[in-house]
Protein backbone atom coordinates (compact mmCIF):
# COMPACT_ATOMS: atom_id res chain seq x y z
CA MET A 1 61.27 71.01 95.09
CA ASP A 2 61.58 69.43 91.64
CA ILE A 3 64.77 68.85 89.77
CA ASP A 4 64.12 72.05 87.34
CA SER A 5 64.23 74.20 90.16
CA LYS A 6 67.11 72.99 91.61
CA LYS A 7 68.93 73.30 88.54
CA LEU A 8 67.67 76.63 88.28
CA LEU A 9 69.18 77.29 91.52
CA HIS A 10 72.21 75.76 91.15
CA ALA A 11 72.75 77.71 87.94
CA GLU A 12 72.00 81.00 89.48
CA SER A 13 74.37 80.10 92.56
CA GLU A 14 77.04 79.56 90.32
CA GLN A 15 76.31 82.86 88.10
CA LEU A 16 76.42 84.96 91.61
CA ILE A 17 79.78 83.14 92.28
CA LYS A 18 81.21 84.27 89.01
CA LEU A 19 80.25 87.67 89.27
CA GLN A 20 81.97 87.99 92.51
CA ASN A 21 84.73 86.72 91.23
CA ILE A 22 84.55 89.26 88.75
CA VAL A 23 84.22 92.07 91.23
CA LYS A 24 86.72 90.83 93.77
CA LYS A 25 89.59 91.21 90.87
CA THR A 26 88.03 94.42 89.46
CA ILE A 27 88.41 95.60 92.80
CA GLU A 28 92.10 94.21 93.29
CA ASP A 29 92.99 95.49 89.91
CA GLU A 30 91.73 99.19 90.87
CA ASN A 31 93.45 99.04 93.99
CA LEU A 32 96.95 98.19 92.25
CA ILE A 33 96.34 100.89 89.76
CA ILE A 34 95.54 103.49 92.49
CA GLU A 35 98.55 102.35 94.52
CA HIS A 36 100.63 102.65 90.85
CA LEU A 37 99.08 106.40 90.64
CA LEU A 38 99.97 107.91 93.91
CA ASN A 39 103.31 105.87 94.27
CA PRO A 40 105.14 105.48 90.95
CA PRO A 41 107.54 102.84 90.61
CA LYS A 42 111.15 104.96 90.94
CA ASP A 43 112.65 102.40 88.55
CA ILE A 44 110.09 103.03 85.57
CA LEU A 45 110.57 106.77 85.64
CA THR A 46 113.18 108.08 84.00
CA ASN A 47 115.14 111.58 84.91
CA GLY A 48 113.33 113.54 82.14
CA GLN A 49 109.92 111.91 83.12
CA GLU A 50 110.56 112.90 86.82
CA ILE A 51 111.48 116.37 86.05
CA SER A 52 108.59 116.60 83.44
CA ASP A 53 106.27 115.36 86.21
CA LYS A 54 107.62 117.92 88.87
CA LEU A 55 107.02 120.83 86.40
CA ALA A 56 103.50 119.81 85.28
CA ARG A 57 102.62 119.71 88.94
CA PHE A 58 103.92 123.32 89.48
CA GLY A 59 102.86 124.71 86.06
CA GLY A 60 99.61 123.46 87.11
CA SER A 61 99.51 124.75 90.34
CA TRP A 62 97.14 127.86 91.64
CA SER A 63 100.95 129.63 92.75
CA PHE A 64 101.84 129.38 89.10
CA ILE A 65 98.67 130.40 87.61
CA ILE A 66 98.58 133.31 90.07
CA SER A 67 102.08 134.40 89.80
CA PHE A 68 101.68 134.25 85.79
CA PHE A 69 98.55 136.61 85.93
CA TYR A 70 100.49 138.75 88.36
CA HIS A 71 103.41 139.44 85.98
CA ILE A 72 101.43 139.83 83.03
CA ASN A 73 99.54 142.66 84.24
C-alpha cells in the first residue's frame, strides 16, 4: 500500500470511531430520557403537577370519554 492509501484508511477509521461514539452517546441519552419519562423523579414534581398528571391520565382515558358521552346523552 502506498502512503496515501494508508492515510485515507486511517482517516476513515478515525471517522468511524467518532461516529460510533456519537451513536453510543445518543443511545445513552435517549435511554436516560425514556427512564425519566417512565419514572419521573419525585422531588422534581410539585403536588400540583402530580395532581395535574393524574387528572390528565384520567381525562384522556377511554373510561372518561365513554362516561362523558354517556352523561351527555
